[in-house]
Amino acid sequence: VAPVTVYGNRWCGITQMTRRMLDRAGVPYRYVDLELHPEMQRRLRWMAGGELRNPVVDVAGEWLEQPTPRQLQWALARHGLL
């Protein structure tokens, strides 16, 4: 199981940028399309307190909502993934 999961939408530019960044860094991840998994969208919205900004990235249990590239890099480095 990959230590990183990206929850987002195919039409979301930030989601696709996040996925490209992980691909370039060689970090394995699982992608969950929220349009195909509305139950996850409801769960993430509940966890976020109602408003959800895509993507949500789970890095080894650390949840990042719409992280900047730098925030994502720091989280990956903290967990030894970079």
PDB file of N, CA and C in Angstrom:
ATOM      1  N   VAL A   1       0.855  -1.190   0.000  1.00  0.00           N
ATOM      2  CA  VAL A   1       0.000   0.000   0.000  1.00  0.00           C
ATOM      3  C   VAL A   1       0.892   1.243   0.000  1.00  0.00           C
ATOM      4  N   ALA A   2       0.601   2.171  -0.889  1.00  0.00           N
ATOM      5  CA  ALA A   2       1.382   3.405  -0.979  1.00  0.00           C
ATOM      6  C   ALA A   2       1.137   4.274   0.256  1.00  0.00           C
ATOM      7  N   PRO A   3       2.196   4.918   0.778  1.00  0.00           N
ATOM      8  CA  PRO A   3       2.025   5.771   1.960  1.00  0.00           C
ATOM      9  C   PRO A   3       1.365   7.113   1.641  1.00  0.00           C
ATOM     10  N   VAL A   4       1.124   7.382   0.355  1.00  0.00           N
ATOM     11  CA  VAL A   4       0.509   8.646  -0.057  1.00  0.00           C
ATOM     12  C   VAL A   4      -0.767   8.343  -0.840  1.00  0.00           C
ATOM     13  N   THR A   5      -1.835   9.069  -0.498  1.00  0.00           N
ATOM     14  CA  THR A   5      -3.079   8.976  -1.254  1.00  0.00           C
ATOM     15  C   THR A   5      -3.505  10.382  -1.638  1.00  0.00           C
ATOM     16  N   VAL A   6      -3.848  10.564  -2.909  1.00  0.00           N
ATOM     17  CA  VAL A   6      -4.337  11.841  -3.414  1.00  0.00           C
ATOM     18  C   VAL A   6      -5.826  11.686  -3.692  1.00  0.00           C
ATOM     19  N   TYR A   7      -6.641  12.527  -3.055  1.00  0.00           N
ATOM     20  CA  TYR A   7      -8.088  12.555  -3.281  1.00  0.00           C
ATOM     21  C   TYR A   7      -8.383  13.820  -4.071  1.00  0.00           C
ATOM     22  N   GLY A   8      -8.978  13.670  -5.256  1.00  0.00           N
ATOM     23  CA  GLY A   8      -9.248  14.846  -6.068  1.00  0.00           C
ATOM     24  C   GLY A   8     -10.135  14.519  -7.247  1.00  0.00           C
ATOM     25  N   ASN A   9     -10.122  15.420  -8.224  1.00  0.00           N
ATOM     26  CA  ASN A   9     -10.944  15.282  -9.414  1.00  0.00           C
ATOM     27  C   ASN A   9     -10.081  15.399 -10.664  1.00  0.00           C
ATOM     28  N   ARG A  10     -10.489  14.675 -11.703  1.00  0.00           N
ATOM     29  CA  ARG A  10      -9.744  14.719 -12.970  1.00  0.00           C
ATOM     30  C   ARG A  10      -9.720  16.109 -13.569  1.00  0.00           C
ATOM     31  N   TRP A  11     -10.789  16.899 -13.355  1.00  0.00           N
ATOM     32  CA  TRP A  11     -10.892  18.227 -13.960  1.00  0.00           C
ATOM     33  C   TRP A  11     -10.169  19.301 -13.148  1.00  0.00           C
ATOM     34  N   CYS A  12      -9.631  18.951 -11.971  1.00  0.00           N
ATOM     35  CA  CYS A  12      -8.999  19.932 -11.081  1.00  0.00           C
ATOM     36  C   CYS A  12      -7.519  20.094 -11.430  1.00  0.00           C
ATOM     37  N   GLY A  13      -7.140  21.275 -11.858  1.00  0.00           N
ATOM     38  CA  GLY A  13      -5.761  21.544 -12.234  1.00  0.00           C
ATOM     39  C   GLY A  13      -4.780  21.338 -11.091  1.00  0.00           C
ATOM     40  N   ILE A  14      -5.172  21.712  -9.861  1.00  0.00           N
ATOM     41  CA  ILE A  14      -4.268  21.563  -8.724  1.00  0.00           C
ATOM     42  C   ILE A  14      -4.064  20.081  -8.410  1.00  0.00           C
ATOM     43  N   THR A  15      -5.127  19.287  -8.548  1.00  0.00           N
ATOM     44  CA  THR A  15      -4.999  17.844  -8.337  1.00  0.00           C
ATOM     45  C   THR A  15      -4.015  17.250  -9.337  1.00  0.00           C
ATOM     46  N   GLN A  16      -4.150  17.636 -10.591  1.00  0.00           N
ATOM     47  CA  GLN A  16      -3.264  17.085 -11.623  1.00  0.00           C
ATOM     48  C   GLN A  16      -1.831  17.564 -11.436  1.00  0.00           C
ATOM     49  N   MET A  17      -1.638  18.811 -10.991  1.00  0.00           N
ATOM     50  CA  MET A  17      -0.296  19.321 -10.715  1.00  0.00           C
ATOM     51  C   MET A  17       0.334  18.517  -9.576  1.00  0.00           C
ATOM     52  N   THR A  18      -0.444  18.209  -8.545  1.00  0.00           N
ATOM     53  CA  THR A  18       0.044  17.429  -7.407  1.00  0.00           C
ATOM     54  C   THR A  18       0.466  16.039  -7.866  1.00  0.00           C
ATOM     55  N   ARG A  19      -0.350  15.416  -8.696  1.00  0.00           N
ATOM     56  CA  ARG A  19      -0.024  14.081  -9.200  1.00  0.00           C
ATOM     57  C   ARG A  19       1.251  14.102 -10.043  1.00  0.00           C
ATOM     58  N   ARG A  20       1.408  15.112 -10.895  1.00  0.00           N
ATOM     59  CA  ARG A  20       2.628  15.228 -11.717  1.00  0.00           C
ATOM     60  C   ARG A  20       3.864  15.415 -10.840  1.00  0.00           C
ATOM     61  N   MET A  21       3.711  16.204  -9.776  1.00  0.00           N
ATOM     62  CA  MET A  21       4.830  16.433  -8.871  1.00  0.00           C
ATOM     63  C   MET A  21       5.261  15.115  -8.212  1.00  0.00           C
ATOM     64  N   LEU A  22       4.299  14.315  -7.766  1.00  0.00           N
ATOM     65  CA  LEU A  22       4.621  13.023  -7.156  1.00  0.00           C
ATOM     66  C   LEU A  22       5.242  12.088  -8.181  1.00  0.00           C
ATOM     67  N   ASP A  23       4.714  12.093  -9.407  1.00  0.00           N
ATOM     68  CA  ASP A  23       5.278  11.250 -10.470  1.00  0.00           C
ATOM     69  C   ASP A  23       6.737  11.619 -10.737  1.00  0.00           C
ATOM     70  N   ARG A  24       7.001  12.913 -10.865  1.00  0.00           N
ATOM     71  CA  ARG A  24       8.379  13.368 -11.147  1.00  0.00           C
ATOM     72  C   ARG A  24       9.333  13.017 -10.010  1.00  0.00           C
ATOM     73  N   ALA A  25       8.828  13.066  -8.770  1.00  0.00           N
ATOM     74  CA  ALA A  25       9.672  12.761  -7.605  1.00  0.00           C
ATOM     75  C   ALA A  25       9.825  11.253  -7.396  1.00  0.00           C
ATOM     76  N   GLY A  26       9.061  10.448  -8.144  1.00  0.00           N
ATOM     77  CA  GLY A  26       9.146   9.003  -7.993  1.00  0.00           C
ATOM     78  C   GLY A  26       8.489   8.484  -6.728  1.00  0.00           C
ATOM     79  N   VAL A  27       7.532   9.254  -6.199  1.00  0.00           N
ATOM     80  CA  VAL A  27       6.833   8.857  -4.975  1.00  0.00           C
ATOM     81  C   VAL A  27       5.591   8.046  -5.358  1.00  0.00           C
ATOM     82  N   PRO A  28       5.505   6.798  -4.919  1.00  0.00           N
ATOM     83  CA  PRO A  28       4.317   6.008  -5.231  1.00  0.00           C
ATOM     84  C   PRO A  28       3.105   6.553  -4.467  1.00  0.00           C
ATOM     85  N   TYR A  29       1.964   6.573  -5.126  1.00  0.00           N
ATOM     86  CA  TYR A  29       0.756   7.078  -4.478  1.00  0.00           C
ATOM     87  C   TYR A  29      -0.462   6.378  -5.062  1.00  0.00           C
ATOM     88  N   ARG A  30      -1.537   6.467  -4.304  1.00  0.00           N
ATOM     89  CA  ARG A  30      -2.834   5.954  -4.759  1.00  0.00           C
ATOM     90  C   ARG A  30      -3.693   7.175  -5.061  1.00  0.00           C
ATOM     91  N   TYR A  31      -4.424   7.129  -6.159  1.00  0.00           N
ATOM     92  CA  TYR A  31      -5.300   8.241  -6.542  1.00  0.00           C
ATOM     93  C   TYR A  31      -6.746   7.812  -6.392  1.00  0.00           C
ATOM     94  N   VAL A  32      -7.541   8.641  -5.707  1.00  0.00           N
ATOM     95  CA  VAL A  32      -8.970   8.383  -5.547  1.00  0.00           C
ATOM     96  C   VAL A  32      -9.722   9.525  -6.205  1.00  0.00           C
ATOM     97  N   ASP A  33     -10.446   9.220  -7.287  1.00  0.00           N
ATOM     98  CA  ASP A  33     -11.257  10.213  -7.990  1.00  0.00           C
ATOM     99  C   ASP A  33     -12.552  10.394  -7.201  1.00  0.00           C
ATOM    100  N   LEU A  34     -12.759  11.597  -6.666  1.00  0.00           N
ATOM    101  CA  LEU A  34     -13.909  11.842  -5.804  1.00  0.00           C
ATOM    102  C   LEU A  34     -15.241  11.785  -6.550  1.00  0.00           C
ATOM    103  N   GLU A  35     -15.225  11.976  -7.866  1.00  0.00           N
ATOM    104  CA  GLU A  35     -16.474  11.839  -8.623  1.00  0.00           C
ATOM    105  C   GLU A  35     -16.903  10.377  -8.704  1.00  0.00           C
ATOM    106  N   LEU A  36     -15.923   9.473  -8.698  1.00  0.00           N
ATOM    107  CA  LEU A  36     -16.230   8.047  -8.743  1.00  0.00           C
ATOM    108  C   LEU A  36     -16.471   7.469  -7.351  1.00  0.00           C
ATOM    109  N   HIS A  37     -16.065   8.215  -6.310  1.00  0.00           N
ATOM    110  CA  HIS A  37     -16.207   7.759  -4.926  1.00  0.00           C
ATOM    111  C   HIS A  37     -16.837   8.864  -4.072  1.00  0.00           C
ATOM    112  N   PRO A  38     -18.137   9.144  -4.291  1.00  0.00           N
ATOM    113  CA  PRO A  38     -18.781  10.236  -3.544  1.00  0.00           C
ATOM    114  C   PRO A  38     -18.795  10.011  -2.037  1.00  0.00           C
ATOM    115  N   GLU A  39     -18.728   8.750  -1.599  1.00  0.00           N
ATOM    116  CA  GLU A  39     -18.702   8.486  -0.157  1.00  0.00           C
ATOM    117  C   GLU A  39     -17.425   9.061   0.474  1.00  0.00           C
ATOM    118  N   MET A  40     -16.316   9.023  -0.264  1.00  0.00           N
ATOM    119  CA  MET A  40     -15.075   9.611   0.244  1.00  0.00           C
ATOM    120  C   MET A  40     -15.171  11.130   0.261  1.00  0.00           C
ATOM    121  N   GLN A  41     -15.842  11.691  -0.731  1.00  0.00           N
ATOM    122  CA  GLN A  41     -16.016  13.140  -0.761  1.00  0.00           C
ATOM    123  C   GLN A  41     -16.805  13.585   0.462  1.00  0.00           C
ATOM    124  N   ARG A  42     -17.867  12.852   0.811  1.00  0.00           N
ATOM    125  CA  ARG A  42     -18.660  13.190   2.002  1.00  0.00           C
ATOM    126  C   ARG A  42     -17.805  13.071   3.268  1.00  0.00           C
ATOM    127  N   ARG A  43     -17.012  12.008   3.350  1.00  0.00           N
ATOM    128  CA  ARG A  43     -16.155  11.809   4.532  1.00  0.00           C
ATOM    129  C   ARG A  43     -15.123  12.927   4.648  1.00  0.00           C
ATOM    130  N   LEU A  44     -14.478  13.286   3.549  1.00  0.00           N
ATOM    131  CA  LEU A  44     -13.478  14.347   3.578  1.00  0.00           C
ATOM    132  C   LEU A  44     -14.110  15.691   3.924  1.00  0.00           C
ATOM    133  N   ARG A  45     -15.301  15.947   3.394  1.00  0.00           N
ATOM    134  CA  ARG A  45     -16.001  17.202   3.701  1.00  0.00           C
ATOM    135  C   ARG A  45     -16.301  17.263   5.203  1.00  0.00           C
ATOM    136  N   TRP A  46     -16.719  16.131   5.782  1.00  0.00           N
ATOM    137  CA  TRP A  46     -16.991  16.076   7.219  1.00  0.00           C
ATOM    138  C   TRP A  46     -15.705  16.334   8.006  1.00  0.00           C
ATOM    139  N   MET A  47     -14.603  15.704   7.584  1.00  0.00           N
ATOM    140  CA  MET A  47     -13.324  15.886   8.269  1.00  0.00           C
ATOM    141  C   MET A  47     -12.832  17.333   8.184  1.00  0.00           C
ATOM    142  N   ALA A  48     -13.151  18.004   7.065  1.00  0.00           N
ATOM    143  CA  ALA A  48     -12.696  19.381   6.846  1.00  0.00           C
ATOM    144  C   ALA A  48     -13.615  20.399   7.514  1.00  0.00           C
ATOM    145  N   GLY A  49     -14.700  19.950   8.100  1.00  0.00           N
ATOM    146  CA  GLY A  49     -15.614  20.879   8.760  1.00  0.00           C
ATOM    147  C   GLY A  49     -16.622  21.508   7.819  1.00  0.00           C
ATOM    148  N   GLY A  50     -16.869  20.871   6.684  1.00  0.00           N
ATOM    149  CA  GLY A  50     -17.923  21.338   5.782  1.00  0.00           C
ATOM    150  C   GLY A  50     -17.444  21.770   4.413  1.00  0.00           C
ATOM    151  N   GLU A  51     -16.378  22.539   4.355  1.00  0.00           N
ATOM    152  CA  GLU A  51     -15.876  23.030   3.068  1.00  0.00           C
ATOM    153  C   GLU A  51     -14.671  22.204   2.664  1.00  0.00           C
ATOM    154  N   LEU A  52     -14.660  21.749   1.422  1.00  0.00           N
ATOM    155  CA  LEU A  52     -13.567  20.898   0.958  1.00  0.00           C
ATOM    156  C   LEU A  52     -12.869  21.552  -0.218  1.00  0.00           C
ATOM    157  N   ARG A  53     -11.545  21.665  -0.103  1.00  0.00           N
ATOM    158  CA  ARG A  53     -10.742  22.214  -1.200  1.00  0.00           C
ATOM    159  C   ARG A  53      -9.853  21.102  -1.726  1.00  0.00           C
ATOM    160  N   ASN A  54      -9.995  20.784  -3.006  1.00  0.00           N
ATOM    161  CA  ASN A  54      -9.216  19.715  -3.636  1.00  0.00           C
ATOM    162  C   ASN A  54      -7.846  20.226  -4.045  1.00  0.00           C
ATOM    163  N   PRO A  55      -6.892  19.336  -4.058  1.00  0.00           N
ATOM    164  CA  PRO A  55      -6.933  17.958  -3.599  1.00  0.00           C
ATOM    165  C   PRO A  55      -6.686  17.860  -2.100  1.00  0.00           C
ATOM    166  N   VAL A  56      -7.031  16.715  -1.553  1.00  0.00           N
ATOM    167  CA  VAL A  56      -6.637  16.372  -0.194  1.00  0.00           C
ATOM    168  C   VAL A  56      -5.595  15.276  -0.344  1.00  0.00           C
ATOM    169  N   VAL A  57      -4.466  15.445   0.309  1.00  0.00           N
ATOM    170  CA  VAL A  57      -3.371  14.490   0.193  1.00  0.00           C
ATOM    171  C   VAL A  57      -3.072  13.918   1.576  1.00  0.00           C
ATOM    172  N   ASP A  58      -3.108  12.600   1.673  1.00  0.00           N
ATOM    173  CA  ASP A  58      -2.752  11.896   2.900  1.00  0.00           C
ATOM    174  C   ASP A  58      -1.326  11.395   2.731  1.00  0.00           C
ATOM    175  N   VAL A  59      -0.416  11.976   3.523  1.00  0.00           N
ATOM    176  CA  VAL A  59       0.988  11.571   3.488  1.00  0.00           C
ATOM    177  C   VAL A  59       1.265  10.836   4.798  1.00  0.00           C
ATOM    178  N   ALA A  60       1.222   9.512   4.746  1.00  0.00           N
ATOM    179  CA  ALA A  60       1.514   8.667   5.912  1.00  0.00           C
ATOM    180  C   ALA A  60       0.715   9.095   7.140  1.00  0.00           C
ATOM    181  N   GLY A  61      -0.564   9.427   6.938  1.00  0.00           N
ATOM    182  CA  GLY A  61      -1.430   9.802   8.050  1.00  0.00           C
ATOM    183  C   GLY A  61      -1.514  11.297   8.307  1.00  0.00           C
ATOM    184  N   GLU A  62      -0.699  12.092   7.626  1.00  0.00           N
ATOM    185  CA  GLU A  62      -0.773  13.553   7.741  1.00  0.00           C
ATOM    186  C   GLU A  62      -1.640  14.059   6.593  1.00  0.00           C
ATOM    187  N   TRP A  63      -2.742  14.726   6.935  1.00  0.00           N
ATOM    188  CA  TRP A  63      -3.709  15.164   5.928  1.00  0.00           C
ATOM    189  C   TRP A  63      -3.434  16.604   5.533  1.00  0.00           C
ATOM    190  N   LEU A  64      -3.285  16.836   4.224  1.00  0.00           N
ATOM    191  CA  LEU A  64      -3.033  18.171   3.687  1.00  0.00           C
ATOM    192  C   LEU A  64      -4.176  18.530   2.747  1.00  0.00           C
ATOM    193  N   GLU A  65      -4.788  19.671   2.978  1.00  0.00           N
ATOM    194  CA  GLU A  65      -5.878  20.119   2.118  1.00  0.00           C
ATOM    195  C   GLU A  65      -5.342  21.189   1.171  1.00  0.00           C
ATOM    196  N   GLN A  66      -5.430  20.917  -0.119  1.00  0.00           N
ATOM    197  CA  GLN A  66      -4.943  21.793  -1.191  1.00  0.00           C
ATOM    198  C   GLN A  66      -3.536  22.320  -0.863  1.00  0.00           C
ATOM    199  N   PRO A  67      -2.571  21.399  -0.670  1.00  0.00           N
ATOM    200  CA  PRO A  67      -1.222  21.846  -0.293  1.00  0.00           C
ATOM    201  C   PRO A  67      -0.505  22.541  -1.444  1.00  0.00           C
ATOM    202  N   THR A  68       0.338  23.494  -1.072  1.00  0.00           N
ATOM    203  CA  THR A  68       1.221  24.090  -2.069  1.00  0.00           C
ATOM    204  C   THR A  68       2.308  23.070  -2.381  1.00  0.00           C
ATOM    205  N   PRO A  69       3.023  23.221  -3.488  1.00  0.00           N
ATOM    206  CA  PRO A  69       4.131  22.300  -3.766  1.00  0.00           C
ATOM    207  C   PRO A  69       5.130  22.236  -2.610  1.00  0.00           C
ATOM    208  N   ARG A  70       5.437  23.361  -2.004  1.00  0.00           N
ATOM    209  CA  ARG A  70       6.394  23.381  -0.894  1.00  0.00           C
ATOM    210  C   ARG A  70       5.846  22.635   0.320  1.00  0.00           C
ATOM    211  N   GLN A  71       4.569  22.834   0.651  1.00  0.00           N
ATOM    212  CA  GLN A  71       3.974  22.112   1.782  1.00  0.00           C
ATOM    213  C   GLN A  71       4.011  20.604   1.541  1.00  0.00           C
ATOM    214  N   LEU A  72       3.737  20.203   0.312  1.00  0.00           N
ATOM    215  CA  LEU A  72       3.762  18.779  -0.012  1.00  0.00           C
ATOM    216  C   LEU A  72       5.184  18.226   0.092  1.00  0.00           C
ATOM    217  N   GLN A  73       6.165  18.979  -0.420  1.00  0.00           N
ATOM    218  CA  GLN A  73       7.567  18.548  -0.321  1.00  0.00           C
ATOM    219  C   GLN A  73       7.988  18.390   1.126  1.00  0.00           C
ATOM    220  N   TRP A  74       7.623  19.344   1.981  1.00  0.00           N
ATOM    221  CA  TRP A  74       7.986  19.266   3.399  1.00  0.00           C
ATOM    222  C   TRP A  74       7.362  18.035   4.047  1.00  0.00           C
ATOM    223  N   ALA A  75       6.090  17.770   3.746  1.00  0.00           N
ATOM    224  CA  ALA A  75       5.419  16.598   4.337  1.00  0.00           C
ATOM    225  C   ALA A  75       6.090  15.316   3.861  1.00  0.00           C
ATOM    226  N   LEU A  76       6.412  15.235   2.574  1.00  0.00           N
ATOM    227  CA  LEU A  76       7.082  14.049   2.051  1.00  0.00           C
ATOM    228  C   LEU A  76       8.446  13.852   2.713  1.00  0.00           C
ATOM    229  N   ALA A  77       9.176  14.937   2.880  1.00  0.00           N
ATOM    230  CA  ALA A  77      10.502  14.861   3.510  1.00  0.00           C
ATOM    231  C   ALA A  77      10.382  14.462   4.982  1.00  0.00           C
ATOM    232  N   ARG A  78       9.408  15.018   5.699  1.00  0.00           N
ATOM    233  CA  ARG A  78       9.211  14.669   7.118  1.00  0.00           C
ATOM    234  C   ARG A  78       8.986  13.169   7.298  1.00  0.00           C
ATOM    235  N   HIS A  79       8.334  12.555   6.311  1.00  0.00           N
ATOM    236  CA  HIS A  79       8.002  11.134   6.407  1.00  0.00           C
ATOM    237  C   HIS A  79       9.002  10.249   5.647  1.00  0.00           C
ATOM    238  N   GLY A  80      10.115  10.849   5.247  1.00  0.00           N
ATOM    239  CA  GLY A  80      11.187  10.070   4.613  1.00  0.00           C
ATOM    240  C   GLY A  80      10.850   9.573   3.221  1.00  0.00           C
ATOM    241  N   LEU A  81       9.977  10.274   2.517  1.00  0.00           N
ATOM    242  CA  LEU A  81       9.546   9.831   1.194  1.00  0.00           C
ATOM    243  C   LEU A  81      10.260  10.555   0.063  1.00  0.00           C
ATOM    244  N   LEU A  82      11.083  11.541   0.393  1.00  0.00           N
ATOM    245  CA  LEU A  82      11.876  12.261  -0.613  1.00  0.00           C
ATOM    246  C   LEU A  82      13.347  12.060  -0.352  1.00  0.00           C
TER     247      LEU A  82
END
